[in-house]
Amino acid sequence: MSAGLRERSYAALLAGARAVSGSVGYNRRGYASRWQDNLMPGLPLAEIARDLGGGAGRELGGKLCAAHSSAALAVNAFAPWRIAPETLSLAGATGFRSARFEATCPTGLGGKPPHLDFLAEGDVIAAVESKCTEWMKRKSARFSPSYDRLRGSHGHSPWYEMIQQLRDKPGRYEFLDAAQLVKHALGLLTCYGARELRLLYVYWEPRNAAEWPECRRHRAEADDLANRAARCSVRLLPMSYRELWEGWTSQGPPPHLAYLRARYGCAA
């Protein structure tokens, strides 16, 4: 893949961040000096720090300071509901009773458990894996032999079947990190069993995504994986952040939607 899309996206996201935060001094690499400066004003910083400080990704370090950070994108999008989850509508589900960032869903295999960018719990469980520009780098699927131990509990699931399919063809998906999504789905199955589970794969793409073949390929790959796992209680729901925002608009736009569109609704 050409680096053109990634480099132009970095520049566009930096310009968007500077446009909405004129007082923040982003350096030439697109990093603010403090993670708090890279977030929308008025967010519940104490709760955000508690969630992200305990995660395996160490998001309170340099990562959260980047204008192109997927963690910052997820926080800016979902943090208003961190302390008011009952007002959140996500993938058609409402009535959430709790919400948090960097939530773990262990598979029971040991090692570092899968970490979700955002998890809302209620009668329906809605989990979010957020991507900004990370998907623009090629991925090769890998699973340790320990995943074979899930055959007894999850061998009936199409998500488990995907493990062997991706081992046989680790480059099946050029841009989609399918292995990460499979591991998230298996973690959700382990933790929540037969409850109604929705795994949202929410990704950023530039406003002019139709002009980039990489964007079209990535979108098709996400839809393909969702179709392959359609029989499972963990429903994979791929959508761009723009599509997510359009859904919020149809239900009555939240107050921070204007900020999100002004900052992230840029062309590459």
Protein backbone atom coordinates (compact mmCIF):
# COMPACT_ATOMS: atom_id res chain seq x y z
CA MET A 1 0.00 0.00 0.00
CA SER A 2 1.15 3.50 -0.77
CA ALA A 3 1.84 5.68 2.25
CA GLY A 4 -0.08 8.48 0.53
CA LEU A 5 -3.42 7.89 2.24
CA ARG A 6 -1.89 7.51 5.69
CA GLU A 7 0.32 10.59 5.39
CA ARG A 8 -2.47 12.76 4.01
CA SER A 9 -4.81 11.51 6.73
CA TYR A 10 -2.28 12.41 9.43
CA ALA A 11 -2.04 15.93 7.99
CA ALA A 12 -5.82 16.30 7.69
CA LEU A 13 -6.44 15.08 11.24
CA LEU A 14 -3.80 17.44 12.60
CA ALA A 15 -5.39 20.34 10.74
CA GLY A 16 -8.78 19.38 12.16
CA ALA A 17 -7.42 19.19 15.70
CA ARG A 18 -5.79 22.60 15.37
CA ALA A 19 -8.96 24.10 13.92
CA VAL A 20 -11.08 23.20 16.96
CA SER A 21 -8.32 23.74 19.55
CA GLY A 22 -6.46 26.85 18.50
CA SER A 23 -4.76 27.26 21.87
CA VAL A 24 -3.24 23.75 21.86
CA GLY A 25 0.33 23.55 20.63
CA TYR A 26 0.55 20.38 18.53
CA ASN A 27 4.07 19.62 17.35
CA ARG A 28 4.98 18.75 13.75
CA ARG A 29 4.35 15.06 14.41
CA GLY A 30 0.81 15.87 15.52
CA TYR A 31 1.21 15.42 19.29
CA ALA A 32 -0.08 17.70 22.04
CA SER A 33 2.09 18.07 25.13
CA ARG A 34 -0.68 16.76 27.44
CA TRP A 35 -3.32 14.12 26.75
CA GLN A 36 -6.00 16.37 28.26
CA ASP A 37 -5.34 18.98 25.56
CA ASN A 38 -6.17 16.46 22.83
CA LEU A 39 -9.72 15.95 24.13
CA MET A 40 -12.87 17.95 23.77
CA PRO A 41 -13.40 20.40 26.67
CA GLY A 42 -15.86 19.42 29.36
CA LEU A 43 -15.30 15.65 29.37
CA PRO A 44 -15.16 13.67 32.68
CA LEU A 45 -11.37 13.57 32.90
CA ALA A 46 -11.17 11.73 36.23
CA GLU A 47 -13.21 8.79 34.93
CA ILE A 48 -11.31 8.77 31.63
CA ALA A 49 -7.97 8.72 33.45
CA ARG A 50 -9.11 5.90 35.70
CA ASP A 51 -10.27 3.79 32.76
CA LEU A 52 -7.35 4.39 30.41
CA GLY A 53 -4.71 4.38 33.11
CA GLY A 54 -5.57 0.79 33.99
CA GLY A 55 -5.60 -0.54 30.42
CA ALA A 56 -2.92 -2.61 28.77
CA GLY A 57 -2.46 -0.07 25.98
CA ARG A 58 -1.06 2.59 28.34
CA GLU A 59 -3.21 5.11 26.51
CA LEU A 60 -2.40 7.93 28.94
CA GLY A 61 1.11 8.01 27.55
CA GLY A 62 2.02 9.43 24.17
CA LYS A 63 -0.73 7.65 22.26
CA LEU A 64 -3.58 9.74 23.61
CA CYS A 65 -1.71 12.94 22.75
CA ALA A 66 -1.74 12.29 18.99
CA ALA A 67 -4.19 14.09 16.73
CA HIS A 68 -4.54 10.77 14.86
CA SER A 69 -5.07 8.68 18.03
CA SER A 70 -7.88 6.14 17.82
CA ALA A 71 -8.13 6.20 21.62
CA ALA A 72 -8.65 9.97 21.60
CA LEU A 73 -11.22 9.59 18.82
CA ALA A 74 -13.14 7.01 20.88
CA VAL A 75 -12.95 9.15 24.02
CA ASN A 76 -14.09 12.28 22.22
CA ALA A 77 -16.99 10.35 20.68
CA PHE A 78 -18.21 8.37 23.70
CA ALA A 79 -16.98 10.11 26.86
CA PRO A 80 -20.13 12.23 27.36
CA TRP A 81 -21.90 8.94 28.14
CA ARG A 82 -19.23 7.65 30.50
CA ILE A 83 -21.15 9.07 33.47
CA ALA A 84 -24.62 9.06 31.86
CA PRO A 85 -24.87 5.74 30.00
CA GLU A 86 -28.65 5.64 30.23
CA THR A 87 -28.85 8.38 27.57
CA LEU A 88 -26.67 6.52 25.04
CA SER A 89 -28.12 4.96 21.90
CA LEU A 90 -25.73 2.59 20.20
CA ALA A 91 -26.48 0.26 17.30
CA GLY A 92 -30.17 0.49 18.06
CA ALA A 93 -29.70 -0.41 21.74
CA THR A 94 -30.56 1.86 24.67
CA GLY A 95 -30.99 1.59 28.42
CA PHE A 96 -27.35 1.03 29.28
CA ARG A 97 -26.53 0.93 32.97
CA SER A 98 -22.75 1.30 32.85
CA ALA A 99 -20.05 2.32 30.39
CA ARG A 100 -16.26 2.40 30.49
CA PHE A 101 -13.17 2.64 28.32
CA GLU A 102 -10.42 0.02 27.94
CA ALA A 103 -12.64 -2.79 29.20
CA THR A 104 -11.23 -6.31 29.38
CA CYS A 105 -13.01 -9.46 28.26
CA PRO A 106 -10.68 -12.34 29.20
CA THR A 107 -10.94 -15.58 27.23
CA GLY A 108 -9.51 -17.56 30.14
CA LEU A 109 -6.34 -18.43 28.22
CA GLY A 110 -3.97 -16.35 30.30
CA GLY A 111 -1.73 -13.61 28.99
CA LYS A 112 -2.98 -10.14 28.10
CA PRO A 113 -6.78 -10.24 27.64
CA PRO A 114 -8.47 -8.41 24.77
CA HIS A 115 -9.11 -4.75 25.55
CA LEU A 116 -12.10 -2.98 24.06
CA ASP A 117 -12.01 0.74 23.44
CA PHE A 118 -15.49 1.20 24.91
CA LEU A 119 -18.01 -1.12 26.53
CA ALA A 120 -21.62 -0.28 27.42
CA GLU A 121 -23.58 -2.79 29.51
CA GLY A 122 -27.34 -3.17 29.89
CA ASP A 123 -29.81 -5.73 28.66
CA VAL A 124 -27.71 -5.58 25.50
CA ILE A 125 -23.91 -5.56 25.62
CA ALA A 126 -22.39 -3.14 23.09
CA ALA A 127 -18.62 -3.25 22.64
CA VAL A 128 -16.63 -0.84 20.48
CA GLU A 129 -13.33 -1.38 18.71
CA SER A 130 -12.22 2.03 17.42
CA LYS A 131 -9.81 2.64 14.56
CA CYS A 132 -8.45 5.90 13.25
CA THR A 133 -5.52 5.43 10.84
CA GLU A 134 -4.23 2.09 12.17
CA TRP A 135 -6.16 0.12 9.59
CA MET A 136 -4.13 1.78 6.84
CA LYS A 137 -1.17 -0.47 7.67
CA ARG A 138 -1.30 -4.07 6.47
CA LYS A 139 -2.05 -6.76 9.04
CA SER A 140 -1.35 -10.48 9.09
CA ALA A 141 -3.56 -12.63 11.31
CA ARG A 142 -1.86 -14.62 14.08
CA PHE A 143 -3.22 -16.85 16.85
CA SER A 144 -1.20 -18.64 19.50
CA PRO A 145 -1.73 -22.41 19.92
CA SER A 146 -3.53 -21.69 23.20
CA TYR A 147 -6.65 -20.67 21.26
CA ASP A 148 -7.17 -24.33 20.39
CA ARG A 149 -8.22 -24.81 24.02
CA LEU A 150 -11.43 -22.89 23.29
CA ARG A 151 -12.72 -25.64 21.02
CA GLY A 152 -14.75 -27.23 23.82
CA SER A 153 -16.53 -24.03 24.79
CA HIS A 154 -16.68 -22.09 21.51
CA GLY A 155 -16.02 -24.68 18.80
CA HIS A 156 -19.59 -24.28 17.54
CA SER A 157 -19.14 -20.56 16.92
CA PRO A 158 -18.26 -19.13 13.50
CA TRP A 159 -15.84 -16.89 15.37
CA TYR A 160 -13.89 -19.95 16.48
CA GLU A 161 -14.02 -21.35 12.95
CA MET A 162 -12.36 -18.15 11.74
CA ILE A 163 -9.23 -19.00 13.71
CA GLN A 164 -8.31 -21.90 11.45
CA GLN A 165 -9.42 -20.04 8.34
CA LEU A 166 -7.10 -17.17 9.19
CA ARG A 167 -4.27 -19.51 10.12
CA ASP A 168 -4.60 -21.11 6.71
CA LYS A 169 -4.71 -17.73 5.00
CA PRO A 170 -3.30 -15.06 7.37
CA GLY A 171 -3.31 -12.46 4.61
CA ARG A 172 -6.96 -12.92 3.69
CA TYR A 173 -7.66 -9.34 4.76
CA GLU A 174 -5.31 -6.66 3.58
CA PHE A 175 -6.37 -3.84 5.90
CA LEU A 176 -8.81 -5.30 8.43
CA ASP A 177 -7.28 -6.60 11.68
CA ALA A 178 -9.53 -9.66 11.63
CA ALA A 179 -7.58 -11.53 14.30
CA GLN A 180 -8.16 -8.73 16.81
CA LEU A 181 -11.90 -8.78 16.13
CA VAL A 182 -12.04 -12.58 16.46
CA LYS A 183 -10.28 -12.36 19.82
CA HIS A 184 -12.69 -9.63 20.98
CA ALA A 185 -15.67 -11.75 19.94
CA LEU A 186 -14.36 -14.82 21.76
CA GLY A 187 -13.70 -12.72 24.87
CA LEU A 188 -17.24 -11.39 24.78
CA LEU A 189 -18.62 -14.92 24.39
CA THR A 190 -16.53 -16.09 27.34
CA CYS A 191 -17.62 -13.25 29.60
CA TYR A 192 -21.28 -12.89 28.64
CA GLY A 193 -22.33 -16.23 27.17
CA ALA A 194 -25.67 -16.24 25.36
CA ARG A 195 -26.61 -12.62 26.10
CA GLU A 196 -27.30 -10.29 23.20
CA LEU A 197 -23.87 -9.04 22.16
CA ARG A 198 -22.94 -6.40 19.62
CA LEU A 199 -19.37 -5.79 18.56
CA LEU A 200 -19.13 -2.45 16.78
CA TYR A 201 -16.12 -1.96 14.55
CA VAL A 202 -16.11 1.82 14.19
CA TYR A 203 -13.46 3.26 11.92
CA TRP A 204 -12.41 6.68 10.73
CA GLU A 205 -12.06 7.33 7.04
CA PRO A 206 -11.64 10.69 5.28
CA ARG A 207 -14.62 12.57 3.92
CA ASN A 208 -13.44 11.76 0.40
CA ALA A 209 -13.11 8.02 1.11
CA ALA A 210 -14.79 7.17 -2.20
CA GLU A 211 -11.70 8.49 -3.98
CA TRP A 212 -9.36 6.05 -2.23
CA PRO A 213 -9.34 2.35 -3.26
CA GLU A 214 -7.84 1.47 0.13
CA CYS A 215 -10.95 2.80 1.87
CA ARG A 216 -13.23 0.81 -0.39
CA ARG A 217 -11.20 -2.36 0.17
CA HIS A 218 -11.15 -1.91 3.96
CA ARG A 219 -14.90 -1.36 4.08
CA ALA A 220 -15.52 -4.48 1.94
CA GLU A 221 -13.27 -6.56 4.19
CA ALA A 222 -15.13 -5.50 7.33
CA ASP A 223 -18.46 -6.33 5.71
CA ASP A 224 -17.11 -9.71 4.60
CA LEU A 225 -16.06 -10.70 8.13
CA ALA A 226 -19.44 -9.56 9.47
CA ASN A 227 -21.20 -11.80 6.95
CA ARG A 228 -19.01 -14.79 7.82
CA ALA A 229 -19.87 -14.45 11.53
CA ALA A 230 -23.53 -13.60 11.01
CA ARG A 231 -24.79 -16.80 12.68
CA CYS A 232 -23.20 -15.98 16.03
CA SER A 233 -24.75 -14.28 19.06
CA VAL A 234 -21.87 -11.79 18.83
CA ARG A 235 -22.96 -9.63 15.90
CA LEU A 236 -20.19 -7.71 14.20
CA LEU A 237 -21.46 -4.31 13.09
CA PRO A 238 -18.89 -2.43 10.96
CA MET A 239 -19.50 1.27 10.39
CA SER A 240 -17.54 4.41 9.78
CA TYR A 241 -17.61 7.17 12.36
CA ARG A 242 -19.54 9.27 9.86
CA GLU A 243 -22.21 6.57 9.69
CA LEU A 244 -22.31 6.41 13.48
CA TRP A 245 -22.83 10.17 13.64
CA GLU A 246 -25.58 10.03 11.03
CA GLY A 247 -27.41 7.56 13.26
CA TRP A 248 -27.07 9.89 16.21
CA THR A 249 -28.37 12.77 14.10
CA SER A 250 -31.52 10.88 13.17
CA GLN A 251 -32.27 10.32 16.87
CA GLY A 252 -31.56 13.88 17.92
CA PRO A 253 -27.90 14.97 17.69
CA PRO A 254 -25.92 15.05 20.95
CA PRO A 255 -24.39 18.44 21.80
CA HIS A 256 -20.81 17.36 21.05
CA LEU A 257 -21.55 16.14 17.52
CA ALA A 258 -20.64 19.52 16.01
CA TYR A 259 -17.18 19.25 17.59
CA LEU A 260 -16.67 15.73 16.21
CA ARG A 261 -17.65 16.70 12.70
CA ALA A 262 -15.55 19.87 12.74
CA ARG A 263 -12.47 18.00 13.95
CA TYR A 264 -12.73 14.62 12.24
CA GLY A 265 -14.91 15.26 9.18
CA CYS A 266 -11.93 16.13 6.98
CA ALA A 267 -10.79 15.03 3.54
CA ALA A 268 -7.41 13.47 2.80
